[in-house]
């Protein structure tokens, strides 16, 4: 299992929504904790009328044989109740449980595994922390589809005992932000987002409920799956400029950092008292250097050109716009230019950023960027 690459992404999933800006317990959005992918006791889920789940499931396709081995970790937050003079708050304990490691020969017959997390109460300096014992069940199975293809299924259930619950009582009995890490030995995971054409029908029949499996690790790796309650693309990565999690990975670090820095002293004191993780986030943000803060403003990521292409930064090209969609395509046709970068967009299309050789404004940029850049598709530039 490629744990080093998977852990950073899994951690962001684990704490997504844990405590939200302005990170104070008194803020309305933080009075009722909501975390993606929480699996509750069945009595609460049934009483919710279907809006909450007591089980979740992921399925993915693999190439392998009877000796292929799947190792599975169940990861989640266990919420505990903290009571002190200021009131009640839900803190959390992070769990990473290695539940199963079986060959596909063993998994042809579904393998159920029960697991539990102990409860207890501790009092330190007048602060009382109470957590409830949790129990769960994981069922892992490998269904042979023929020609060395298997469908791997993992289902997790919250089997914790409970009666009629209020929401806060249900929260401390939940597997909060539950997700799975699956490592494969002697086999290859197939992308559900981009399966081989011959297996597209089988990929569409995979039944994912509350979890979505993606490949994690380097682009060429296919041995580790993150089954996440948040739908991500294969091989996601965290930005190297980020100094740490703001518990809202869908927002920009720069925006949240600036907002944190504008909190009043009284608001910051409340943040520190709300939660240890919120306090650590606040202190980390206050200690950002000017250079670190400027790095959050944005980054240009150059992509290697596709195989067979000789384009790279500094390459000389002649522009041959094909679409002629605006006046610049007409004006720049036939001009000589220099490649500044080769970039890939969110739709996986490759673009070439160039500066025009005789552009008097090309050197008027700031922070090392050219003053004028123009973007073209690969087929619109002719190497010189």
Foldseek 3Di string as FASTA:
>chain_A
DPCVFVVVVLVLLQLQQVAAPVLFCPDPSNVAGDHALKAWAPVVCVVVVNPHHQKWKFKFKKFADQAKKKWKWKWFWQWKWKQAPVGIATDTDIDIGGFDIHGQVVQQPKDKTKDKDPWDWDADPRMIITAHIWIKMKIWHWHDPDPRMIMIMIMMGTNDDDDDDDSVVRRNHIRGQIKMKMFIDRMFTAALVDGPPVCVVVSVPTDGGQWYWAAEDDPPGGGMIITGSDDDYHHDHDDPLDPDDNSHVVDQPLVVLVVLVPDDPVSLVSSVVRYVVSVVVSVSSVPDDPVSSVVSVDDDDADDDPPPDPDAFFFKWFFADDPPPDVCNVVRHGFIWTFHGWDADPVRFIKTKTDGPPDPQQCVDPPPHGRDIDIDHPVRIGTD
